[in-house]
Amino acid sequence: MTNSSLRKQLLVTIIVLMLFVSSAIVWVCIQAGTDAVNLLTQRVMQNVIERIGNDNERHLNEAFRAIETVAPESNASGSHHYYPADLKAVEERLWFTSHLYRQTINEVYFARPDGSFVGLNRVDDDHIFLYLRQPNDTFRRAYEIQYPGDRSHFVDSANYDPRLRSWYQNAQNHEAPVWSDIYNNFPSDEPTITLAKALFQPDHSLAGVVGTDITLKNLSDYLRSLPISAHSVAFIVDTSGYIIASSDHAPSYDLVNNHPQRKLADSMASKLIRQTYLNVIKPQIAAPPGAASSSTSFNLEDEKIDVAYAALGNRFGLKWITVVAVPRSDFMGGITHGLVQSIVIVVLFILLALIASLVVIEHMLRDIRQLTHAAQKMGNGEPLPRLHIHRKDEIGNLVKTFVEMENRLRIDRLTQVNNRDFLLAQIDYLQQHAKKHPAENVNFTLLFLDLDKFKAVNDSYGHAAGDQLLIVIAARLKAAVRDTDTVARFGGDEFVVLLNGTSSSIDIQMTVDKIHHLIEQPIALADHIVSVRVSVGWAIFPTEALTYTHLVEIADARMFSSKKEHSDVLLRLVD
């Protein structure tokens, strides 16, 4: 064997070895990237399905609680109820109920066998409408009111008898709350569903019917607000195949002879909705899914579509199915581009040393494993760990996209503090941790904060000034608490602070005092200096409550008590 042939053999051996190693590297990249994207896809879709289910079941649950607030059961068997004795008392109770559940319930009403009717529609805190029909009257009158008993602004009157309405007639024949069929509400034509419950006297005679409406347009708006991916769809159908709500902007009903008619899922404008229903959901209707989410996939025009779905509303007597469908390309686009570029780089640098190649790949895999671990944490509702990945290639873009997605899901865009969904995930994580590790004595305190003069700032200086004020308040709140605590915007001008590991009344009061001190300092806006007061309420886990809903109720009640004290002080100062 000559030197020339030896050089050739060595060269061939090195080239074959490098090609083998390069091929192995490419395969590992593809496999690891695909596995990470598959896991991320499943976690994100399951997260979205669970989020939709939790938020909407909370909405449905508050409809039941609203009815119970209007007329709580008077005995253990539930055979009769406590209900207001006159229309004025009914109006006051409806006012309280609509305020207590104003985030989810707008309209609540009460009708009696004598034809009397009281309804309250809280469009927002500035536009509240009262609908009133006296016993045996023909007309119901509408007023725009500012407080119970206000009759200063008459709106209109209309011929209306609640006893002829389907919700009344259906409910009076049942002891348990019943849902109406979905109908298109006048005059908006928006799909609506009513929950109604019959109330009985101690002698079991009918005392009346209380009801509340849920506008399904709110569900569609909620689905459209979910940051899933560019070409994804989310929708809710019933077991008859009719659309309840969807993220598609096309309406879920057609006008036939000027009358609204609900659409079937297989007649929607969105091809992805139609095909997802026909290929995945329709075959499942004979055996609807359970409470846990399920996932599958199908091919649509040579593209893989990932689908997650779960039953919604079963425990409330509704047979709905929540569906999320995402083209695989939405998740694979960035990683595919990165893998193609990696292959080109491997070909161009095939003569590089094997060790250097292995080091580069190990560095890449370490980052992907870190991203996969972060995806698992996010899917479990745990706080996202800090990603120590500083890359400017496609994996870096994937990390940036992942972090941005997590921020959209958990960070309030205006104030840059955590949003309500992240707060719920934190509380759920702490509650689950407390159950699994009782010896650790997990405890925390929820502070519920409301700005007393925020509306005056909006009215006087505009919403831009109000937004600037909220940003400053959020920053001051973060400065008032520890790094281990969580500050979240609850909605509007309301904030919630989770004091982790804090249950001492002294520590709580010190924190509340610090919050008062910082927030109530004058704030310089663009052209004005303003000051606001803050009302604070709190609740302690687990000594005062074990569930998120109960914690918020306790904290909210204390906050309103604090607000009332502020109001009383102002009144005394004016006197």
Protein backbone atom coordinates (compact mmCIF):
# COMPACT_ATOMS: atom_id res chain seq x y z
CA MET A 1 0.00 0.00 0.00
CA THR A 2 1.59 3.27 -1.10
CA ASN A 3 1.56 6.54 0.77
CA SER A 4 -0.88 7.84 -1.78
CA SER A 5 -3.31 5.00 -1.14
CA LEU A 6 -2.86 5.39 2.62
CA ARG A 7 -3.66 9.08 2.39
CA LYS A 8 -6.68 8.13 0.35
CA GLN A 9 -7.82 5.56 2.91
CA LEU A 10 -7.30 7.98 5.78
CA LEU A 11 -9.03 10.70 3.86
CA VAL A 12 -11.91 8.37 3.00
CA THR A 13 -12.05 7.16 6.62
CA ILE A 14 -12.06 10.72 7.98
CA ILE A 15 -14.66 11.82 5.45
CA VAL A 16 -16.88 8.80 6.20
CA LEU A 17 -16.45 9.36 9.93
CA MET A 18 -17.22 13.05 9.63
CA LEU A 19 -20.24 12.32 7.44
CA PHE A 20 -21.45 9.77 9.97
CA VAL A 21 -20.93 12.16 12.87
CA SER A 22 -22.50 15.01 10.92
CA SER A 23 -25.49 12.82 10.05
CA ALA A 24 -25.79 11.77 13.68
CA ILE A 25 -25.64 15.41 14.77
CA VAL A 26 -28.35 16.37 12.28
CA TRP A 27 -30.53 13.45 13.41
CA VAL A 28 -30.09 14.38 17.08
CA CYS A 29 -30.98 18.00 16.31
CA ILE A 30 -34.10 17.00 14.40
CA GLN A 31 -35.17 14.48 17.04
CA ALA A 32 -34.50 16.77 19.99
CA GLY A 33 -36.11 19.76 18.29
CA THR A 34 -39.16 17.75 17.22
CA ASP A 35 -39.54 16.26 20.70
CA ALA A 36 -39.29 19.70 22.30
CA VAL A 37 -41.83 21.19 19.88
CA ASN A 38 -44.19 18.22 20.31
CA LEU A 39 -44.01 18.55 24.07
CA LEU A 40 -44.42 22.31 23.89
CA THR A 41 -47.40 21.91 21.54
CA GLN A 42 -49.12 19.44 23.86
CA ARG A 43 -48.43 21.49 26.98
CA VAL A 44 -49.58 24.78 25.43
CA MET A 45 -52.76 23.25 23.99
CA GLN A 46 -53.60 21.45 27.22
CA ASN A 47 -52.91 24.67 29.09
CA VAL A 48 -55.27 26.57 26.79
CA ILE A 49 -58.00 23.92 27.06
CA GLU A 50 -57.72 23.89 30.86
CA ARG A 51 -57.71 27.68 30.94
CA ILE A 52 -60.84 27.87 28.79
CA GLY A 53 -62.54 25.21 30.92
CA ASN A 54 -61.59 26.78 34.25
CA ASP A 55 -62.57 30.32 33.23
CA ASN A 56 -65.87 29.34 31.64
CA GLU A 57 -66.85 26.90 34.40
CA ARG A 58 -66.11 29.69 36.88
CA HIS A 59 -68.43 31.88 34.79
CA LEU A 60 -71.16 29.21 34.82
CA ASN A 61 -70.65 28.60 38.53
CA GLU A 62 -71.10 32.29 39.27
CA ALA A 63 -74.48 32.16 37.50
CA PHE A 64 -75.58 29.55 40.07
CA ARG A 65 -74.09 31.59 42.90
CA ALA A 66 -75.83 34.73 41.67
CA ILE A 67 -79.19 32.96 41.83
CA GLU A 68 -78.37 31.61 45.29
CA THR A 69 -77.43 35.14 46.42
CA VAL A 70 -80.81 36.50 45.30
CA ALA A 71 -82.75 33.71 47.02
CA PRO A 72 -80.69 31.46 49.32
CA GLU A 73 -82.18 28.19 50.49
CA SER A 74 -83.93 28.50 53.85
CA ASN A 75 -83.61 24.88 54.97
CA ALA A 76 -81.27 21.95 54.53
CA SER A 77 -83.51 20.16 52.02
CA GLY A 78 -83.80 23.21 49.79
CA SER A 79 -87.57 22.85 49.62
CA HIS A 80 -88.16 26.55 50.18
CA HIS A 81 -86.06 29.69 50.02
CA TYR A 82 -85.46 33.02 51.59
CA TYR A 83 -86.60 35.66 49.13
CA PRO A 84 -87.32 39.39 49.53
CA ALA A 85 -90.78 40.27 50.75
CA ASP A 86 -91.42 43.28 48.49
CA LEU A 87 -90.22 44.71 45.19
CA LYS A 88 -88.00 47.30 46.87
CA ALA A 89 -86.17 44.58 48.79
CA VAL A 90 -85.92 42.55 45.58
CA GLU A 91 -84.35 45.53 43.83
CA GLU A 92 -81.78 45.96 46.61
CA ARG A 93 -80.83 42.28 46.50
CA LEU A 94 -80.47 42.33 42.72
CA TRP A 95 -78.31 45.45 43.01
CA PHE A 96 -76.03 43.69 45.50
CA THR A 97 -75.87 40.51 43.41
CA SER A 98 -75.03 42.27 40.15
CA HIS A 99 -72.31 44.24 41.92
CA LEU A 100 -70.84 41.16 43.62
CA TYR A 101 -70.59 39.24 40.34
CA ARG A 102 -70.10 42.19 38.00
CA GLN A 103 -67.06 40.59 36.34
CA THR A 104 -69.16 37.76 34.84
CA ILE A 105 -72.89 38.42 35.40
CA ASN A 106 -74.58 41.50 33.93
CA GLU A 107 -78.31 40.81 34.11
CA VAL A 108 -80.30 39.18 36.91
CA TYR A 109 -84.07 39.26 37.44
CA PHE A 110 -86.96 37.99 39.55
CA ALA A 111 -90.63 37.36 38.65
CA ARG A 112 -93.65 36.31 40.72
CA PRO A 113 -96.89 34.50 39.90
CA ASP A 114 -98.79 37.82 40.18
CA GLY A 115 -96.85 39.13 37.16
CA SER A 116 -94.56 41.45 39.12
CA PHE A 117 -91.03 41.61 37.77
CA VAL A 118 -87.75 43.26 38.76
CA GLY A 119 -84.67 43.01 36.51
CA LEU A 120 -81.28 44.68 36.79
CA ASN A 121 -78.86 44.97 33.86
CA ARG A 122 -75.42 46.30 34.89
CA VAL A 123 -73.90 47.19 31.51
CA ASP A 124 -70.99 48.73 33.43
CA ASP A 125 -70.60 50.64 36.69
CA ASP A 126 -71.83 53.84 34.99
CA HIS A 127 -74.81 52.39 33.08
CA ILE A 128 -77.24 50.35 35.17
CA PHE A 129 -80.79 49.70 33.99
CA LEU A 130 -83.77 48.67 36.15
CA TYR A 131 -86.79 46.89 34.62
CA LEU A 132 -89.90 47.03 36.82
CA ARG A 133 -93.41 45.60 36.46
CA GLN A 134 -95.92 46.03 39.24
CA PRO A 135 -98.35 43.19 40.13
CA ASN A 136 -101.03 42.64 37.46
CA ASP A 137 -99.70 45.57 35.42
CA THR A 138 -99.52 45.36 31.63
CA PHE A 139 -96.29 47.26 31.04
CA ARG A 140 -92.83 46.94 32.43
CA ARG A 141 -90.95 50.22 32.83
CA ALA A 142 -87.22 50.76 32.32
CA TYR A 143 -85.07 53.23 34.27
CA GLU A 144 -81.39 54.09 34.19
CA ILE A 145 -80.43 54.24 37.88
CA GLN A 146 -77.48 55.15 40.07
CA TYR A 147 -78.65 53.42 43.28
CA PRO A 148 -81.54 51.26 44.51
CA GLY A 149 -84.78 53.22 44.54
CA ASP A 150 -83.57 55.76 41.94
CA ARG A 151 -86.35 56.61 39.45
CA SER A 152 -85.05 59.92 38.14
CA HIS A 153 -84.22 58.76 34.60
CA PHE A 154 -87.13 56.99 32.86
CA VAL A 155 -86.07 55.20 29.65
CA ASP A 156 -89.11 53.50 28.16
CA SER A 157 -91.99 51.11 28.77
CA ALA A 158 -92.99 47.95 26.95
CA ASN A 159 -95.69 45.31 27.04
CA TYR A 160 -94.10 42.46 28.94
CA ASP A 161 -95.39 39.54 30.99
CA PRO A 162 -92.60 37.39 32.51
CA ARG A 163 -95.01 34.50 33.12
CA LEU A 164 -95.24 33.96 29.36
CA ARG A 165 -91.49 33.63 28.96
CA SER A 166 -89.99 30.18 28.38
CA TRP A 167 -87.45 30.58 31.21
CA TYR A 168 -90.28 31.19 33.70
CA GLN A 169 -92.52 28.41 32.42
CA ASN A 170 -89.69 25.89 32.25
CA ALA A 171 -88.28 26.72 35.70
CA GLN A 172 -91.60 26.59 37.57
CA ASN A 173 -91.86 22.86 36.84
CA HIS A 174 -88.46 22.02 38.36
CA GLU A 175 -87.00 22.31 41.82
CA ALA A 176 -83.39 22.54 40.61
CA PRO A 177 -82.01 25.35 38.42
CA VAL A 178 -82.57 24.75 34.70
CA TRP A 179 -80.92 26.15 31.58
CA SER A 180 -82.91 27.49 28.70
CA ASP A 181 -82.17 26.55 25.13
CA ILE A 182 -79.74 28.91 23.45
CA TYR A 183 -81.62 31.77 21.83
CA ASN A 184 -80.74 35.02 20.07
CA ASN A 185 -81.44 37.88 22.43
CA PHE A 186 -83.35 40.94 21.25
CA PRO A 187 -82.25 43.47 20.02
CA SER A 188 -78.58 42.45 19.61
CA ASP A 189 -79.33 39.01 18.03
CA GLU A 190 -76.40 37.67 20.06
CA PRO A 191 -76.69 34.03 21.25
CA THR A 192 -77.74 33.92 24.90
CA ILE A 193 -78.52 31.26 27.49
CA THR A 194 -80.59 31.74 30.67
CA LEU A 195 -80.28 29.97 34.03
CA ALA A 196 -83.53 30.08 35.99
CA LYS A 197 -84.67 28.61 39.30
CA ALA A 198 -88.13 28.30 40.84
CA LEU A 199 -88.57 29.52 44.44
CA PHE A 200 -91.11 27.96 46.75
CA GLN A 201 -93.05 29.00 49.83
CA PRO A 202 -92.84 26.84 52.99
CA ASP A 203 -96.14 25.26 51.86
CA HIS A 204 -94.43 24.32 48.53
CA SER A 205 -96.47 26.80 46.49
CA LEU A 206 -94.58 28.77 43.85
CA ALA A 207 -93.11 32.01 45.19
CA GLY A 208 -91.46 33.12 41.95
CA VAL A 209 -88.62 32.50 39.53
CA VAL A 210 -85.16 34.05 39.60
CA GLY A 211 -82.98 34.05 36.49
CA THR A 212 -79.73 35.34 35.03
CA ASP A 213 -78.50 35.60 31.43
CA ILE A 214 -75.13 34.61 29.99
CA THR A 215 -74.31 36.22 26.64
CA LEU A 216 -72.32 33.77 24.54
CA LYS A 217 -70.70 36.65 22.64
CA ASN A 218 -68.52 37.09 25.74
CA LEU A 219 -67.28 33.52 25.27
CA SER A 220 -66.36 34.24 21.64
CA ASP A 221 -64.57 37.44 22.65
CA TYR A 222 -62.69 35.47 25.29
CA LEU A 223 -61.62 32.80 22.78
CA ARG A 224 -60.39 35.49 20.37
CA SER A 225 -58.26 37.00 23.15
CA LEU A 226 -56.27 33.79 23.71
CA PRO A 227 -52.73 34.11 22.29
CA ILE A 228 -52.36 30.57 20.91
CA SER A 229 -50.75 30.85 17.47
CA ALA A 230 -51.13 32.69 14.18
CA HIS A 231 -53.45 30.25 12.37
CA SER A 232 -55.09 28.39 15.26
CA VAL A 233 -58.80 28.25 16.10
CA ALA A 234 -60.66 27.68 19.35
CA PHE A 235 -64.37 26.91 19.48
CA ILE A 236 -67.12 25.43 21.66
CA VAL A 237 -69.89 23.19 20.27
CA ASP A 238 -72.80 21.36 21.80
CA THR A 239 -73.55 17.69 21.23
CA SER A 240 -75.95 18.62 18.42
CA GLY A 241 -73.09 20.17 16.49
CA TYR A 242 -74.18 23.79 16.93
CA ILE A 243 -71.53 26.44 17.54
CA ILE A 244 -71.66 27.98 21.02
CA ALA A 245 -68.68 30.31 20.58
CA SER A 246 -65.59 30.53 18.39
CA SER A 247 -62.43 32.55 17.88
CA ASP A 248 -63.39 32.99 14.23
CA HIS A 249 -64.64 36.52 13.55
CA ALA A 250 -67.47 35.28 11.36
CA PRO A 251 -70.81 35.32 13.28
CA SER A 252 -72.06 32.07 14.80
CA TYR A 253 -75.56 32.66 13.40
CA ASP A 254 -77.21 33.48 10.05
CA LEU A 255 -80.15 35.78 9.39
CA VAL A 256 -82.91 33.78 7.69
CA ASN A 257 -85.90 35.94 6.75
CA ASN A 258 -84.55 38.54 9.20
CA HIS A 259 -84.56 35.96 12.01
CA PRO A 260 -81.27 34.78 13.55
CA GLN A 261 -80.56 31.07 13.10
CA ARG A 262 -77.67 29.29 14.83
CA LYS A 263 -74.91 27.73 12.75
CA LEU A 264 -73.70 24.17 12.74
CA ALA A 265 -69.96 23.70 13.12
CA ASP A 266 -69.72 22.06 9.69
CA SER A 267 -71.21 25.19 8.06
CA MET A 268 -68.80 27.74 9.58
CA ALA A 269 -66.74 29.95 7.28
CA SER A 270 -63.47 28.70 8.78
CA LYS A 271 -62.28 25.58 6.97
CA LEU A 272 -60.19 24.60 9.98
CA ILE A 273 -63.28 24.66 12.24
CA ARG A 274 -65.33 22.65 9.73
CA GLN A 275 -62.72 19.97 9.17
CA THR A 276 -61.76 19.71 12.84
CA TYR A 277 -65.40 19.14 13.73
CA LEU A 278 -65.98 16.58 10.95
CA ASN A 279 -62.71 14.67 11.45
CA VAL A 280 -62.37 14.73 15.26
CA ILE A 281 -65.38 16.03 17.21
CA LYS A 282 -68.37 14.64 15.32
CA PRO A 283 -67.17 11.02 15.71
CA GLN A 284 -66.79 11.73 19.46
CA ILE A 285 -70.32 13.04 20.01
CA ALA A 286 -71.72 9.52 20.48
CA ALA A 287 -69.23 9.14 23.36
CA PRO A 288 -68.44 12.69 24.57
CA PRO A 289 -65.01 13.30 26.16
CA GLY A 290 -64.54 13.30 29.90
CA ALA A 291 -63.44 16.22 32.04
CA ALA A 292 -59.75 15.63 31.25
CA SER A 293 -58.53 17.00 27.93
CA SER A 294 -57.77 14.66 25.06
CA SER A 295 -55.51 15.28 22.09
CA THR A 296 -55.18 13.89 18.58
CA SER A 297 -54.22 15.03 15.09
CA PHE A 298 -55.39 14.74 11.49
CA ASN A 299 -54.13 15.78 8.06
CA LEU A 300 -55.67 18.71 6.22
CA GLU A 301 -54.30 19.29 2.71
CA ASP A 302 -50.96 17.62 3.53
CA GLU A 303 -50.59 19.61 6.76
CA LYS A 304 -50.77 18.06 10.20
CA ILE A 305 -53.35 19.61 12.53
CA ASP A 306 -52.97 19.12 16.29
CA VAL A 307 -56.29 19.07 18.18
CA ALA A 308 -57.08 19.18 21.89
CA TYR A 309 -60.64 18.92 23.25
CA ALA A 310 -62.50 18.42 26.53
CA ALA A 311 -66.04 18.42 27.89
CA LEU A 312 -67.27 21.73 29.28
CA GLY A 313 -70.13 22.34 31.69
CA ASN A 314 -71.04 18.71 32.46
CA ARG A 315 -71.39 19.35 36.18
CA PHE A 316 -73.69 22.29 35.41
CA GLY A 317 -76.03 20.27 33.20
CA LEU A 318 -74.55 21.49 29.89
CA LYS A 319 -73.15 19.18 27.23
CA TRP A 320 -70.58 21.37 25.52
CA ILE A 321 -67.18 20.49 24.07
CA THR A 322 -64.20 22.87 23.99
CA VAL A 323 -61.86 22.45 21.00
CA VAL A 324 -58.48 23.96 20.07
CA ALA A 325 -56.91 23.20 16.67
CA VAL A 326 -53.40 24.34 15.68
CA PRO A 327 -51.52 23.68 12.42
CA ARG A 328 -48.24 21.94 13.28
CA SER A 329 -46.42 24.45 11.06
CA ASP A 330 -47.27 27.21 13.56
CA PHE A 331 -44.97 25.50 16.07
CA MET A 332 -42.48 23.89 13.68
CA GLY A 333 -41.77 26.89 11.45
CA GLY A 334 -38.93 28.37 13.50
CA ILE A 335 -37.34 25.05 14.42
CA THR A 336 -37.46 23.78 10.80
CA HIS A 337 -35.70 26.87 9.52
CA GLY A 338 -33.07 26.49 12.22
CA LEU A 339 -32.45 22.83 11.38
CA VAL A 340 -31.99 23.57 7.67
CA GLN A 341 -29.46 26.24 8.51
CA SER A 342 -27.69 23.86 10.90
CA ILE A 343 -27.34 21.28 8.11
CA VAL A 344 -25.78 23.86 5.79
CA ILE A 345 -23.35 24.87 8.52
CA VAL A 346 -22.42 21.22 9.14
CA VAL A 347 -21.74 20.69 5.41
CA LEU A 348 -19.62 23.83 5.14
CA PHE A 349 -17.56 22.92 8.21
CA ILE A 350 -17.37 19.14 7.70
CA LEU A 351 -13.57 19.21 8.18
CA LEU A 352 -13.89 20.64 11.69
CA ALA A 353 -12.71 18.44 14.50
CA LEU A 354 -15.13 15.85 15.85
CA ILE A 355 -14.74 17.06 19.42
CA ALA A 356 -15.61 20.62 18.47
CA SER A 357 -18.74 19.36 16.70
CA LEU A 358 -19.76 17.30 19.71
CA VAL A 359 -19.25 20.28 22.03
CA VAL A 360 -21.45 22.46 19.84
CA ILE A 361 -24.18 19.81 19.73
CA GLU A 362 -24.04 19.20 23.47
CA HIS A 363 -24.42 22.94 24.03
CA MET A 364 -27.42 22.92 21.70
CA LEU A 365 -29.03 19.92 23.39
CA ARG A 366 -28.48 21.43 26.83
CA ASP A 367 -30.45 24.50 25.77
CA ILE A 368 -33.22 22.40 24.25
CA ARG A 369 -33.43 20.30 27.42
CA GLN A 370 -33.65 23.51 29.45
CA LEU A 371 -36.47 24.72 27.19
CA THR A 372 -38.26 21.36 27.51
CA HIS A 373 -37.96 21.55 31.29
CA ALA A 374 -39.40 25.08 31.18
CA ALA A 375 -42.30 23.81 29.03
CA GLN A 376 -43.02 21.11 31.62
CA LYS A 377 -42.96 23.69 34.43
CA MET A 378 -45.31 25.96 32.51
CA GLY A 379 -47.69 23.08 31.75
CA ASN A 380 -47.82 22.16 35.46
CA GLY A 381 -48.79 25.74 36.42
CA GLU A 382 -45.44 26.41 38.13
CA PRO A 383 -43.55 29.71 37.74
CA LEU A 384 -41.39 29.76 34.62
CA PRO A 385 -37.74 29.24 35.64
CA ARG A 386 -35.15 31.70 34.39
CA LEU A 387 -33.79 30.49 31.04
CA HIS A 388 -30.03 30.88 30.90
CA ILE A 389 -29.97 30.67 27.12
CA HIS A 390 -28.18 33.46 25.28
CA ARG A 391 -28.22 32.56 21.61
CA LYS A 392 -28.79 34.57 18.47
CA ASP A 393 -29.71 31.62 16.23
CA GLU A 394 -33.06 29.91 15.62
CA ILE A 395 -33.06 28.20 19.01
CA GLY A 396 -32.63 31.64 20.53
CA ASN A 397 -35.61 32.81 18.47
CA LEU A 398 -37.58 29.81 19.73
CA VAL A 399 -36.64 30.72 23.32
CA LYS A 400 -37.65 34.33 22.71
CA THR A 401 -40.95 33.21 21.19
CA PHE A 402 -41.56 30.85 24.12
CA VAL A 403 -40.86 33.59 26.68
CA GLU A 404 -43.06 36.05 24.78
CA MET A 405 -45.86 33.46 24.69
CA GLU A 406 -45.48 32.88 28.43
CA ASN A 407 -45.52 36.65 29.02
CA ARG A 408 -48.68 37.06 26.97
CA LEU A 409 -50.33 34.35 29.01
CA ARG A 410 -49.16 35.62 32.40
CA ILE A 411 -48.14 39.31 32.23
CA ASP A 412 -50.57 42.24 32.14
CA ARG A 413 -49.64 44.25 29.04
CA LEU A 414 -50.29 47.68 30.52
CA THR A 415 -48.77 47.49 34.00
CA GLN A 416 -46.21 44.70 33.35
CA VAL A 417 -47.17 42.96 36.59
CA ASN A 418 -48.66 39.48 36.61
CA ASN A 419 -52.19 38.96 35.34
CA ARG A 420 -55.07 37.10 36.95
CA ASP A 421 -54.33 33.84 35.13
CA PHE A 422 -50.79 33.70 36.51
CA LEU A 423 -52.13 34.51 39.99
CA LEU A 424 -54.58 31.59 39.70
CA ALA A 425 -51.75 29.29 38.58
CA GLN A 426 -49.60 30.40 41.53
CA ILE A 427 -52.41 29.83 44.02
CA ASP A 428 -53.25 26.44 42.50
CA TYR A 429 -49.58 25.45 42.64
CA LEU A 430 -49.33 26.47 46.32
CA GLN A 431 -52.58 24.67 47.16
CA GLN A 432 -51.42 21.47 45.46
CA HIS A 433 -48.03 21.75 47.15
CA ALA A 434 -49.77 22.17 50.52
CA LYS A 435 -51.79 18.99 49.92
CA LYS A 436 -48.74 16.97 48.90
CA HIS A 437 -46.48 18.31 51.68
CA PRO A 438 -48.66 18.98 54.75
CA ALA A 439 -45.62 18.96 57.04
CA GLU A 440 -44.29 22.13 55.37
CA ASN A 441 -47.24 24.21 56.68
CA VAL A 442 -47.67 26.14 53.44
CA ASN A 443 -49.39 29.49 54.04
CA PHE A 444 -49.90 32.73 52.21
CA THR A 445 -52.02 35.86 52.34
CA LEU A 446 -54.03 37.48 49.54
CA LEU A 447 -54.27 41.28 49.62
CA PHE A 448 -57.15 42.67 47.50
CA LEU A 449 -56.63 46.36 46.56
CA ASP A 450 -58.96 48.86 44.93
CA LEU A 451 -58.15 52.49 44.04
CA ASP A 452 -60.77 54.82 45.54
CA LYS A 453 -60.39 57.84 43.22
CA PHE A 454 -59.31 56.18 39.98
CA LYS A 455 -62.53 56.93 38.09
CA ALA A 456 -62.16 60.64 38.92
CA VAL A 457 -58.73 60.66 37.27
CA ASN A 458 -60.14 59.00 34.12
CA ASP A 459 -63.07 61.43 34.03
CA SER A 460 -60.95 64.50 34.66
CA TYR A 461 -57.77 63.84 32.69
CA GLY A 462 -58.62 61.05 30.26
CA HIS A 463 -57.91 57.34 29.95
CA ALA A 464 -54.29 57.93 28.94
CA ALA A 465 -53.71 59.56 32.33
CA GLY A 466 -55.55 56.68 33.98
CA ASP A 467 -53.29 54.17 32.24
CA GLN A 468 -50.19 56.13 33.32
CA LEU A 469 -51.52 56.17 36.88
CA LEU A 470 -52.03 52.37 36.85
CA ILE A 471 -48.45 51.87 35.63
CA VAL A 472 -47.10 53.98 38.51
CA ILE A 473 -49.32 52.24 41.05
CA ALA A 474 -48.14 48.81 39.83
CA ALA A 475 -44.50 49.88 40.14
CA ARG A 476 -45.07 51.17 43.67
CA LEU A 477 -46.82 47.95 44.63
CA LYS A 478 -43.82 45.91 43.45
CA ALA A 479 -41.57 48.19 45.50
CA ALA A 480 -43.75 47.70 48.58
CA VAL A 481 -43.44 43.92 48.72
CA ARG A 482 -40.69 41.31 48.65
CA ASP A 483 -39.23 39.65 45.57
CA THR A 484 -40.82 36.39 46.70
CA ASP A 485 -44.30 37.97 46.67
CA THR A 486 -46.56 38.19 43.61
CA VAL A 487 -48.25 41.38 42.38
CA ALA A 488 -51.09 40.84 39.88
CA ARG A 489 -53.58 43.10 38.19
CA PHE A 490 -57.00 41.64 38.95
CA GLY A 491 -58.93 43.86 36.55
CA GLY A 492 -59.57 47.56 35.98
CA ASP A 493 -58.15 49.43 38.98
CA GLU A 494 -58.03 46.33 41.20
CA PHE A 495 -54.80 44.58 42.16
CA VAL A 496 -54.05 41.45 44.18
CA VAL A 497 -50.83 40.81 46.12
CA LEU A 498 -49.90 37.27 47.16
CA LEU A 499 -47.70 37.41 50.26
CA ASN A 500 -45.90 34.08 50.13
CA GLY A 501 -45.27 32.46 53.53
CA THR A 502 -47.01 35.29 55.40
CA SER A 503 -49.88 34.73 57.83
CA SER A 504 -48.97 36.97 60.80
CA SER A 505 -51.41 39.82 61.33
CA ILE A 506 -48.49 42.07 62.32
CA ASP A 507 -46.61 41.35 59.10
CA ILE A 508 -49.77 41.80 57.07
CA GLN A 509 -50.54 45.15 58.70
CA MET A 510 -46.96 46.35 58.18
CA THR A 511 -47.23 45.49 54.49
CA VAL A 512 -50.64 47.17 54.20
CA ASP A 513 -49.27 50.30 55.91
CA LYS A 514 -46.31 50.35 53.53
CA ILE A 515 -48.64 50.01 50.55
CA HIS A 516 -50.80 52.89 51.82
CA HIS A 517 -47.71 55.02 52.34
CA LEU A 518 -46.25 54.42 48.90
CA ILE A 519 -49.40 54.45 46.78
CA GLU A 520 -51.03 57.47 48.41
CA GLN A 521 -48.02 59.68 47.70
CA PRO A 522 -48.75 62.33 45.01
CA ILE A 523 -48.20 61.10 41.46
CA ALA A 524 -46.96 63.35 38.67
CA LEU A 525 -48.72 62.66 35.39
CA ALA A 526 -48.04 64.43 32.08
CA ASP A 527 -49.67 67.74 33.03
CA HIS A 528 -51.12 67.12 36.45
CA ILE A 529 -50.28 65.90 39.93
CA VAL A 530 -52.88 63.57 41.40
CA SER A 531 -53.29 61.46 44.48
CA VAL A 532 -55.45 58.44 45.11
CA ARG A 533 -56.47 56.43 48.11
CA VAL A 534 -56.31 52.67 48.22
CA SER A 535 -58.64 50.30 50.03
CA VAL A 536 -57.10 46.99 51.06
CA GLY A 537 -58.65 43.72 52.20
CA TRP A 538 -56.93 40.42 52.93
CA ALA A 539 -57.52 36.72 53.49
CA ILE A 540 -55.16 34.07 54.85
CA PHE A 541 -54.62 30.54 53.51
CA PRO A 542 -55.31 28.06 55.03
CA THR A 543 -56.59 29.49 58.35
CA GLU A 544 -59.42 31.57 56.83
CA ALA A 545 -60.15 29.80 53.56
CA LEU A 546 -58.89 26.93 51.41
CA THR A 547 -60.20 27.88 47.96
CA TYR A 548 -59.33 30.77 45.71
CA THR A 549 -62.98 31.85 45.44
CA HIS A 550 -63.46 31.96 49.22
CA LEU A 551 -60.15 33.81 49.71
CA VAL A 552 -61.20 36.49 47.20
CA GLU A 553 -64.65 36.82 48.80
CA ILE A 554 -63.14 37.40 52.25
CA ALA A 555 -60.51 39.83 50.95
CA ASP A 556 -63.08 41.64 48.80
CA ALA A 557 -65.45 42.03 51.78
CA ARG A 558 -62.67 43.49 53.92
CA MET A 559 -61.65 45.78 51.10
CA PHE A 560 -65.17 47.14 50.79
CA SER A 561 -65.26 47.62 54.57
CA SER A 562 -62.03 49.62 54.30
CA LYS A 563 -63.49 51.63 51.42
CA LYS A 564 -66.58 52.39 53.53
CA GLU A 565 -64.36 53.59 56.38
CA HIS A 566 -62.59 55.93 53.97
CA SER A 567 -65.96 57.21 52.78
CA ASP A 568 -67.17 57.74 56.38
CA VAL A 569 -64.02 59.70 57.22
CA LEU A 570 -64.54 61.94 54.20
CA LEU A 571 -68.15 62.53 55.20
CA ARG A 572 -67.10 63.53 58.73
CA LEU A 573 -64.49 65.89 57.31
CA VAL A 574 -67.11 67.51 55.08
CA ASP A 575 -69.51 67.88 58.02
